[in-house]
Amino acid sequence: MKIKLIETSSYFENMKLLKSKQLFYPSLTLPLLAALTPPDIEVSIVNELLEDIDFDEKIDLVGISSYTTNVHRAYEIGDEFRRRKVPVVMGGIHVSMEPDEAGEHADTIIIGEAEDTWPQFLSDFRNGTTKKVYEAEKRPSLSNLPIPSFSLIDKSHYVGYQKKGLFRFLLDPVIPIQTARGCPHSCDFCAVTVFSGARYRPRPIPDVINEIITLRAKLCSFVDDNIFANPSRAKELFRALIPLRIRWYGLGTINAAEDEELIGLARKSGCVGMSIGLESLSSKNLESVGKRTNRVEDYEKNLKVYRKHRISLTVSMIFGFDNDEPGVFKQACNFLVKNRVSLTYWYPLTPLPGTSLYERLKDQGRLKDVKWWLNPNRKIYYLRFTGAKMEEGVFFKNFYHHYRRFYSLASIIRRTLLPPQPRFLIIIFLNLLYRGRLTREALIPEH
């Protein structure tokens, strides 16, 4: 039996399929699914961002994972394989939020986390007794998870494996590791709590340590949605990591810096970078979407704690709240440059299916397209709903202008070199990389 697992790409505004020569690290989902597959089944993994899909390959089953932003392409791929009489199973967060929609493009769908349902589905598939829908009765245990099968990915596609030129000095291979699931914060715009639950579910720390050692990881990306969610457990994890002498990146919250012992232990355990969501510089905006963990008045103080402990920050910002006016983009850019933030990702406020934000805007009749994700030619930096203070053109112009201003050469020099930040070479490299990517995504020539 032969299975192909596919991670799908997405489209640019001009309907050109997004492609990349290399990524920094592979996703965790498909290698973990492969590890959950019986060893007598042959599994291959394809990331469409990096390689083309061979629709003519002789296989028995296709598994597809996608997010809301690329689910249109996932449906196209599923339809094409089914046209060729190859059975298709789909899963992931979007499929779990929109099971009826996804069911039109797959023979089977898996709702929720798949540790229990994936093996059951494969057993039924072998016996010819598959069901249309598999959904676990309870959230799976995170104890004794198998080691993800990263051996199945093509390592030539990931920069840490390329010991050539500048990469020889900048990066080791980055290995994704998950230490827990679930988030207790339930922000209105986020689907994490809907999919993984509001209860924080940690893996046993010895399991995490064993996985890092088994994979011989020197540089890890902890993909927990908030590695600081349970501070006492986080401290225990960090103490266990110290002897491994690894370096790691993770996702956390700005208010974790209120506990300086926590941030200090993170640094001692090898933390060199964190992604955090400031989202907005307006307390009213944060309150409007239930982001109660952030205190705008403490931002600068908390950012200083991260800098003190030499932890670089990637900060996410969201724009398009009802009270936002054109000046919010300039304000955000100035604030991030002033506080020497290493990198930033900006997003329009996006109503993802299954979230409280989506349901509220839908009930208010404000969605421009109830199923906006099915339009492959949708614009990237635009709002999906009506009622905002800014017109579309004003929103895009200001969003893009100040986003690009953050990644201007003058800004990069000021944030990284005056004085030099820790690991300033890799930070400059990432800034230049994202500067180019931003221009391509927006489909606007540089001026």
Protein backbone atom coordinates (compact mmCIF):
# COMPACT_ATOMS: atom_id res chain seq x y z
CA MET A 1 0.00 0.00 0.00
CA LYS A 2 1.33 3.43 -0.97
CA ILE A 3 0.22 6.78 0.47
CA LYS A 4 1.12 10.29 -0.67
CA LEU A 5 0.76 13.06 1.93
CA ILE A 6 0.49 16.56 0.46
CA GLU A 7 0.95 20.02 1.94
CA THR A 8 -0.60 22.43 -0.53
CA SER A 9 0.52 25.77 -1.92
CA SER A 10 -1.74 28.76 -2.63
CA TYR A 11 -2.29 31.38 -5.32
CA PHE A 12 -1.06 34.90 -5.86
CA GLU A 13 -3.58 37.51 -6.89
CA ASN A 14 -2.77 36.81 -10.54
CA MET A 15 -3.65 33.11 -10.11
CA LYS A 16 0.02 32.13 -10.22
CA LEU A 17 0.79 29.25 -7.90
CA LEU A 18 3.09 30.31 -5.07
CA LYS A 19 6.45 28.53 -5.20
CA SER A 20 9.59 28.76 -3.10
CA LYS A 21 13.07 27.38 -3.66
CA GLN A 22 13.71 26.78 0.02
CA LEU A 23 12.09 27.09 3.44
CA PHE A 24 13.64 27.41 6.87
CA TYR A 25 12.10 24.27 8.31
CA PRO A 26 9.48 21.65 7.49
CA SER A 27 6.03 21.57 9.02
CA LEU A 28 5.37 19.01 11.73
CA THR A 29 1.97 17.70 10.65
CA LEU A 30 2.82 15.35 7.80
CA PRO A 31 5.97 13.82 9.35
CA LEU A 32 3.90 13.10 12.47
CA LEU A 33 1.11 11.52 10.40
CA ALA A 34 3.74 9.40 8.63
CA ALA A 35 5.06 8.26 12.01
CA LEU A 36 1.51 7.29 13.05
CA THR A 37 1.20 5.12 9.91
CA PRO A 38 1.87 1.34 10.15
CA PRO A 39 5.44 0.57 9.03
CA ASP A 40 4.35 -1.76 6.22
CA ILE A 41 2.66 1.16 4.41
CA GLU A 42 4.90 3.18 2.07
CA VAL A 43 4.57 6.92 2.71
CA SER A 44 5.86 9.86 0.68
CA ILE A 45 5.57 13.56 1.59
CA VAL A 46 5.18 16.41 -0.90
CA ASN A 47 5.21 20.11 -0.08
CA GLU A 48 3.76 21.83 -3.15
CA LEU A 49 5.48 25.09 -2.24
CA LEU A 50 8.78 23.36 -3.03
CA GLU A 51 7.99 20.72 -5.62
CA ASP A 52 5.36 19.80 -8.16
CA ILE A 53 2.77 17.11 -7.58
CA ASP A 54 2.95 14.07 -9.84
CA PHE A 55 -0.71 13.30 -10.47
CA ASP A 56 0.23 10.28 -12.60
CA GLU A 57 2.13 8.46 -9.87
CA LYS A 58 0.63 5.09 -8.98
CA ILE A 59 -0.60 5.43 -5.43
CA ASP A 60 -3.41 3.95 -3.36
CA LEU A 61 -4.37 6.94 -1.24
CA VAL A 62 -3.78 10.70 -1.02
CA GLY A 63 -3.86 12.64 2.25
CA ILE A 64 -4.10 16.44 2.08
CA SER A 65 -3.54 18.98 4.84
CA SER A 66 -4.22 22.69 4.41
CA TYR A 67 -5.17 25.93 6.11
CA THR A 68 -8.01 28.32 5.26
CA THR A 69 -5.71 30.48 3.14
CA ASN A 70 -4.76 27.63 0.81
CA VAL A 71 -7.79 25.35 1.05
CA HIS A 72 -8.97 26.34 -2.45
CA ARG A 73 -5.84 24.75 -3.87
CA ALA A 74 -6.33 21.71 -1.61
CA TYR A 75 -9.79 21.23 -3.08
CA GLU A 76 -8.40 21.45 -6.61
CA ILE A 77 -5.83 18.78 -5.83
CA GLY A 78 -8.39 16.55 -4.18
CA ASP A 79 -10.76 16.88 -7.14
CA GLU A 80 -7.98 16.01 -9.60
CA PHE A 81 -6.93 12.85 -7.77
CA ARG A 82 -10.54 11.72 -7.38
CA ARG A 83 -11.05 12.29 -11.10
CA ARG A 84 -8.20 9.82 -11.56
CA LYS A 85 -9.95 7.34 -9.21
CA VAL A 86 -7.47 7.81 -6.36
CA PRO A 87 -9.18 8.03 -2.93
CA VAL A 88 -8.61 11.27 -1.03
CA VAL A 89 -8.64 11.96 2.71
CA MET A 90 -8.47 15.53 4.03
CA GLY A 91 -7.81 16.97 7.47
CA GLY A 92 -6.51 20.01 9.25
CA ILE A 93 -7.93 23.06 10.96
CA HIS A 94 -10.01 24.39 8.04
CA VAL A 95 -11.53 21.00 7.24
CA SER A 96 -12.47 20.69 10.91
CA MET A 97 -14.21 24.08 10.81
CA GLU A 98 -15.96 23.43 7.44
CA PRO A 99 -16.49 19.63 7.24
CA ASP A 100 -19.48 19.72 4.87
CA GLU A 101 -17.67 21.96 2.42
CA ALA A 102 -14.50 19.82 2.52
CA GLY A 103 -16.54 16.65 2.13
CA GLU A 104 -17.42 17.71 -1.41
CA HIS A 105 -13.76 17.36 -2.42
CA ALA A 106 -12.68 14.26 -0.49
CA ASP A 107 -13.82 10.70 0.03
CA THR A 108 -13.09 10.98 3.75
CA ILE A 109 -12.48 13.86 6.12
CA ILE A 110 -10.87 13.79 9.55
CA ILE A 111 -12.10 16.33 12.08
CA GLY A 112 -9.77 17.51 14.84
CA GLU A 113 -6.47 16.08 15.99
CA ALA A 114 -5.63 12.82 14.24
CA GLU A 115 -3.53 10.73 16.67
CA ASP A 116 -6.43 8.32 17.25
CA THR A 117 -8.50 8.75 14.09
CA TRP A 118 -5.70 8.42 11.50
CA PRO A 119 -4.72 4.84 12.49
CA GLN A 120 -8.39 3.88 12.70
CA PHE A 121 -9.05 5.30 9.25
CA LEU A 122 -6.09 3.41 7.75
CA SER A 123 -7.30 0.16 9.27
CA ASP A 124 -10.77 0.71 7.83
CA PHE A 125 -9.30 1.70 4.46
CA ARG A 126 -7.40 -1.58 4.25
CA ASN A 127 -10.56 -3.48 5.10
CA GLY A 128 -12.75 -1.55 2.66
CA THR A 129 -14.97 -0.19 5.44
CA THR A 130 -14.06 3.51 5.47
CA LYS A 131 -16.52 6.08 6.76
CA LYS A 132 -17.10 9.53 5.32
CA VAL A 133 -16.17 11.31 8.55
CA TYR A 134 -13.81 10.45 11.39
CA GLU A 135 -13.92 12.51 14.57
CA ALA A 136 -12.31 11.55 17.85
CA GLU A 137 -14.62 11.19 20.83
CA LYS A 138 -12.07 13.00 23.01
CA ARG A 139 -8.83 14.87 22.53
CA PRO A 140 -5.95 12.42 22.14
CA SER A 141 -3.30 11.78 24.75
CA LEU A 142 -0.01 13.51 24.06
CA SER A 143 2.00 10.89 25.94
CA ASN A 144 4.27 8.53 24.00
CA LEU A 145 3.80 10.23 20.63
CA PRO A 146 6.01 8.73 17.93
CA ILE A 147 9.09 10.54 16.67
CA PRO A 148 8.04 12.47 13.51
CA SER A 149 9.40 10.95 10.28
CA PHE A 150 11.50 13.87 9.04
CA SER A 151 13.56 11.35 7.07
CA LEU A 152 10.79 11.45 4.45
CA ILE A 153 11.28 15.11 3.58
CA ASP A 154 13.66 16.29 0.89
CA LYS A 155 16.28 18.06 3.00
CA SER A 156 17.68 19.91 0.00
CA HIS A 157 14.64 22.20 0.25
CA TYR A 158 15.54 23.52 3.73
CA VAL A 159 18.25 26.10 4.21
CA GLY A 160 19.73 24.73 7.42
CA TYR A 161 20.85 21.61 5.59
CA GLN A 162 22.71 23.61 2.93
CA LYS A 163 26.27 23.91 4.19
CA LYS A 164 27.23 26.31 1.45
CA GLY A 165 28.30 29.93 1.50
CA LEU A 166 26.64 32.10 4.14
CA PHE A 167 24.33 29.30 5.35
CA ARG A 168 27.38 27.44 6.66
CA PHE A 169 27.72 30.10 9.36
CA LEU A 170 24.14 31.25 9.93
CA LEU A 171 21.96 28.22 10.48
CA ASP A 172 21.81 24.64 11.65
CA PRO A 173 18.84 22.59 10.45
CA VAL A 174 15.72 23.82 12.26
CA ILE A 175 13.63 20.98 13.73
CA PRO A 176 10.00 21.68 14.73
CA ILE A 177 9.07 20.29 18.15
CA GLN A 178 5.72 20.48 19.91
CA THR A 179 5.66 20.39 23.70
CA ALA A 180 1.96 21.17 24.30
CA ARG A 181 -1.38 21.96 22.67
CA GLY A 182 -4.30 24.18 23.52
CA CYS A 183 -4.56 27.84 24.49
CA PRO A 184 -6.66 29.23 27.35
CA HIS A 185 -6.95 32.77 25.99
CA SER A 186 -9.70 32.34 23.35
CA CYS A 187 -9.03 35.50 21.31
CA ASP A 188 -11.95 36.14 18.95
CA PHE A 189 -9.85 36.11 15.77
CA CYS A 190 -7.92 32.90 16.55
CA ALA A 191 -8.99 29.35 15.66
CA VAL A 192 -6.45 27.63 17.93
CA THR A 193 -8.79 27.31 20.90
CA VAL A 194 -11.61 26.05 18.69
CA PHE A 195 -9.38 23.36 17.17
CA SER A 196 -7.07 22.37 20.03
CA GLY A 197 -9.17 23.38 23.02
CA ALA A 198 -8.96 25.98 25.78
CA ARG A 199 -7.29 23.54 28.18
CA TYR A 200 -3.50 23.59 28.04
CA ARG A 201 -2.34 20.03 27.37
CA PRO A 202 1.39 19.50 27.86
CA ARG A 203 3.41 16.52 26.69
CA PRO A 204 5.49 14.76 29.33
CA ILE A 205 8.80 16.62 29.51
CA PRO A 206 10.88 13.40 29.27
CA ASP A 207 9.10 12.68 25.94
CA VAL A 208 10.07 16.12 24.64
CA ILE A 209 13.69 15.71 25.72
CA ASN A 210 13.86 12.24 24.17
CA GLU A 211 12.51 13.56 20.86
CA ILE A 212 15.12 16.33 20.73
CA ILE A 213 17.92 13.88 21.49
CA THR A 214 16.64 11.26 19.02
CA LEU A 215 16.39 13.82 16.22
CA ARG A 216 19.84 15.19 17.14
CA ALA A 217 18.37 18.66 17.06
CA LYS A 218 20.71 21.58 17.70
CA LEU A 219 18.27 24.31 16.65
CA CYS A 220 14.57 23.81 17.45
CA SER A 221 11.40 25.67 16.65
CA PHE A 222 8.90 25.00 19.42
CA VAL A 223 5.56 25.21 17.65
CA ASP A 224 3.36 25.40 20.75
CA ASP A 225 0.85 28.20 20.36
CA ASN A 226 2.12 29.69 23.64
CA ILE A 227 5.08 28.01 25.29
CA PHE A 228 4.57 30.27 28.34
CA ALA A 229 0.90 29.32 28.82
CA ASN A 230 1.66 27.47 32.07
CA PRO A 231 4.62 29.33 33.60
CA SER A 232 5.52 26.69 36.21
CA ARG A 233 5.54 23.94 33.58
CA ALA A 234 7.51 26.17 31.21
CA LYS A 235 10.17 26.71 33.88
CA GLU A 236 10.39 22.96 34.45
CA LEU A 237 10.79 22.41 30.70
CA PHE A 238 13.46 25.09 30.39
CA ARG A 239 15.48 23.61 33.28
CA ALA A 240 15.34 20.23 31.53
CA LEU A 241 16.55 21.81 28.27
CA ILE A 242 19.61 23.52 29.75
CA PRO A 243 21.88 20.41 29.71
CA LEU A 244 21.08 19.79 26.02
CA ARG A 245 22.80 23.05 25.00
CA ILE A 246 20.40 23.64 22.10
CA ARG A 247 19.17 26.92 20.64
CA TRP A 248 15.48 27.42 20.08
CA TYR A 249 12.72 29.71 18.85
CA GLY A 250 9.16 29.69 20.12
CA LEU A 251 5.79 31.42 20.30
CA GLY A 252 4.74 33.26 23.42
CA THR A 253 3.09 36.35 24.83
CA ILE A 254 4.32 39.82 25.64
CA ASN A 255 3.01 39.65 29.22
CA ALA A 256 5.25 36.65 29.98
CA ALA A 257 7.97 39.26 30.54
CA GLU A 258 6.22 40.22 33.78
CA ASP A 259 7.90 37.08 35.16
CA GLU A 260 11.57 37.87 34.58
CA GLU A 261 12.66 34.54 36.07
CA LEU A 262 10.66 32.83 33.32
CA ILE A 263 12.34 34.84 30.55
CA GLY A 264 15.75 34.35 32.15
CA LEU A 265 15.27 30.58 32.26
CA ALA A 266 14.10 30.60 28.65
CA ARG A 267 17.33 32.31 27.66
CA LYS A 268 19.48 29.94 29.76
CA SER A 269 17.77 26.98 28.09
CA GLY A 270 18.79 28.26 24.65
CA CYS A 271 16.01 30.62 23.59
CA VAL A 272 17.35 33.02 20.96
CA GLY A 273 14.07 34.26 19.49
CA MET A 274 10.35 34.50 20.22
CA SER A 275 7.30 35.32 18.14
CA ILE A 276 4.75 37.34 20.09
CA GLY A 277 1.47 38.96 19.17
CA LEU A 278 1.13 42.60 20.14
CA GLU A 279 -1.72 42.82 17.58
CA SER A 280 -2.57 46.47 18.30
CA LEU A 281 -1.39 49.57 20.16
CA SER A 282 -5.00 50.31 21.16
CA SER A 283 -6.49 48.83 24.32
CA LYS A 284 -9.99 49.29 22.85
CA ASN A 285 -9.04 47.21 19.82
CA LEU A 286 -7.66 44.44 22.01
CA GLU A 287 -10.76 44.43 24.19
CA SER A 288 -13.00 44.25 21.11
CA VAL A 289 -11.51 40.86 20.15
CA GLY A 290 -11.00 39.42 23.62
CA LYS A 291 -7.18 39.81 23.68
CA ARG A 292 -7.16 40.31 27.44
CA THR A 293 -3.61 39.17 28.10
CA ASN A 294 -2.01 42.22 26.46
CA ARG A 295 -1.57 45.50 28.36
CA VAL A 296 -0.57 48.24 25.93
CA GLU A 297 0.76 50.43 28.73
CA ASP A 298 3.30 47.70 29.59
CA TYR A 299 4.52 46.97 26.06
CA GLU A 300 7.73 48.99 26.18
CA LYS A 301 8.65 47.74 29.64
CA ASN A 302 8.09 44.12 28.61
CA LEU A 303 9.99 44.50 25.35
CA LYS A 304 12.96 45.77 27.35
CA VAL A 305 12.92 42.55 29.41
CA TYR A 306 13.22 40.43 26.27
CA ARG A 307 16.04 42.67 24.99
CA LYS A 308 17.81 42.51 28.35
CA HIS A 309 17.94 38.74 28.05
CA ARG A 310 19.14 38.91 24.44
CA ILE A 311 16.03 37.29 22.96
CA SER A 312 15.17 38.58 19.49
CA LEU A 313 11.49 39.23 18.82
CA THR A 314 9.25 38.71 15.83
CA VAL A 315 6.12 40.76 16.52
CA SER A 316 2.77 40.28 14.81
CA MET A 317 0.41 43.21 14.27
CA ILE A 318 -3.21 43.20 13.11
CA PHE A 319 -4.95 46.07 11.30
CA GLY A 320 -8.54 46.69 10.34
CA PHE A 321 -10.27 47.00 13.70
CA ASP A 322 -13.41 49.10 13.60
CA ASN A 323 -11.70 52.09 15.22
CA ASP A 324 -8.52 51.98 13.11
CA GLU A 325 -7.72 55.08 11.08
CA PRO A 326 -4.92 55.56 8.50
CA GLY A 327 -2.48 56.77 11.14
CA VAL A 328 -2.31 53.38 12.91
CA PHE A 329 0.19 52.03 10.36
CA LYS A 330 2.69 54.84 10.87
CA GLN A 331 2.21 54.62 14.63
CA ALA A 332 2.91 50.87 14.61
CA CYS A 333 5.98 51.19 12.40
CA ASN A 334 7.46 53.97 14.54
CA PHE A 335 6.82 52.01 17.73
CA LEU A 336 8.45 48.83 16.42
CA VAL A 337 11.50 50.67 15.07
CA LYS A 338 11.90 52.65 18.29
CA ASN A 339 11.83 49.43 20.32
CA ARG A 340 14.29 47.71 17.95
CA VAL A 341 12.02 44.79 17.10
CA SER A 342 13.92 42.29 14.95
CA LEU A 343 11.10 41.30 12.60
CA THR A 344 7.41 41.95 12.24
CA TYR A 345 4.51 40.30 10.43
CA TRP A 346 1.47 42.42 9.63
CA TYR A 347 -1.96 40.97 8.92
CA PRO A 348 -5.37 42.34 8.04
CA LEU A 349 -7.95 41.36 10.64
CA THR A 350 -9.18 38.13 9.07
CA PRO A 351 -12.46 36.34 9.92
CA LEU A 352 -11.39 32.69 9.90
CA PRO A 353 -14.24 30.14 9.86
CA GLY A 354 -15.11 28.75 13.25
CA THR A 355 -13.91 31.81 15.17
CA SER A 356 -16.04 34.17 17.21
CA LEU A 357 -14.96 37.02 14.94
CA TYR A 358 -16.25 35.21 11.86
CA GLU A 359 -19.60 34.38 13.44
CA ARG A 360 -20.07 37.93 14.72
CA LEU A 361 -19.32 39.56 11.36
CA LYS A 362 -21.49 37.01 9.59
CA ASP A 363 -24.41 37.68 11.94
CA GLN A 364 -23.96 41.42 11.38
CA GLY A 365 -24.05 40.93 7.60
CA ARG A 366 -20.60 42.51 7.24
CA LEU A 367 -18.75 39.76 5.37
CA LYS A 368 -18.06 40.74 1.78
CA ASP A 369 -18.04 37.04 0.87
CA VAL A 370 -19.22 34.45 3.37
CA LYS A 371 -16.76 31.94 1.90
CA TRP A 372 -13.98 34.29 0.89
CA TRP A 373 -11.38 31.52 0.98
CA LEU A 374 -12.94 29.86 -2.07
CA ASN A 375 -11.89 32.81 -4.23
CA PRO A 376 -8.32 31.99 -5.37
CA ASN A 377 -7.83 35.48 -6.81
CA ARG A 378 -8.50 37.27 -3.52
CA LYS A 379 -6.21 40.14 -2.61
CA ILE A 380 -3.65 39.65 0.14
CA TYR A 381 -3.61 42.85 2.18
CA TYR A 382 -7.30 43.73 2.08
CA LEU A 383 -10.17 43.36 4.55
CA ARG A 384 -12.80 40.66 4.07
CA PHE A 385 -15.58 42.66 5.70
CA THR A 386 -17.34 46.02 5.55
CA GLY A 387 -17.86 48.70 8.19
CA ALA A 388 -14.23 49.69 8.78
CA LYS A 389 -13.37 53.39 8.88
CA MET A 390 -10.87 53.11 6.02
CA GLU A 391 -11.76 52.50 2.40
CA GLU A 392 -10.00 49.56 0.73
CA GLY A 393 -7.60 51.70 -1.27
CA VAL A 394 -6.60 53.78 1.75
CA PHE A 395 -6.15 50.65 3.86
CA PHE A 396 -3.92 48.92 1.33
CA LYS A 397 -1.83 52.00 0.48
CA ASN A 398 -1.03 52.79 4.11
CA PHE A 399 -0.64 49.15 5.16
CA TYR A 400 1.87 48.42 2.43
CA HIS A 401 3.76 51.72 2.64
CA HIS A 402 4.54 51.49 6.35
CA TYR A 403 5.07 47.72 6.29
CA ARG A 404 7.73 48.28 3.66
CA ARG A 405 9.10 51.23 5.64
CA PHE A 406 9.80 48.91 8.57
CA TYR A 407 11.92 46.81 6.21
CA SER A 408 13.72 49.78 4.63
CA LEU A 409 17.51 49.72 4.75
CA ALA A 410 17.57 52.67 7.15
CA SER A 411 15.22 50.85 9.52
CA ILE A 412 17.19 47.60 9.32
CA ILE A 413 20.42 49.42 10.19
CA ARG A 414 18.83 51.33 13.07
CA ARG A 415 17.19 48.24 14.58
CA THR A 416 20.07 45.81 14.22
CA LEU A 417 23.34 47.75 14.23
CA LEU A 418 22.94 50.87 16.39
CA PRO A 419 24.24 49.26 18.59
CA PRO A 420 24.63 45.71 17.19
CA GLN A 421 21.99 43.21 18.31
CA PRO A 422 22.89 39.65 19.28
CA ARG A 423 23.09 37.48 16.14
CA PHE A 424 22.81 40.62 14.01
CA LEU A 425 24.01 38.83 10.87
CA ILE A 426 21.11 36.38 10.81
CA ILE A 427 18.66 39.18 11.73
CA ILE A 428 19.88 41.33 8.84
CA PHE A 429 19.66 38.33 6.51
CA LEU A 430 16.08 37.60 7.58
CA ASN A 431 15.09 41.26 7.22
CA LEU A 432 16.44 41.39 3.66
CA LEU A 433 14.77 38.08 2.85
CA TYR A 434 11.40 39.24 4.09
CA ARG A 435 11.81 42.63 2.43
CA GLY A 436 12.04 40.85 -0.94
CA ARG A 437 9.21 38.47 -0.13
CA LEU A 438 6.92 41.32 0.89
CA THR A 439 7.44 43.05 -2.42
CA ARG A 440 6.65 39.88 -4.36
CA GLU A 441 3.54 39.12 -2.30
CA ALA A 442 2.11 42.58 -2.76
CA LEU A 443 2.77 42.42 -6.51
CA ILE A 444 3.94 46.03 -6.52
CA PRO A 445 7.35 46.99 -7.92
CA GLU A 446 9.81 48.56 -5.54
CA HIS A 447 10.30 52.31 -5.87
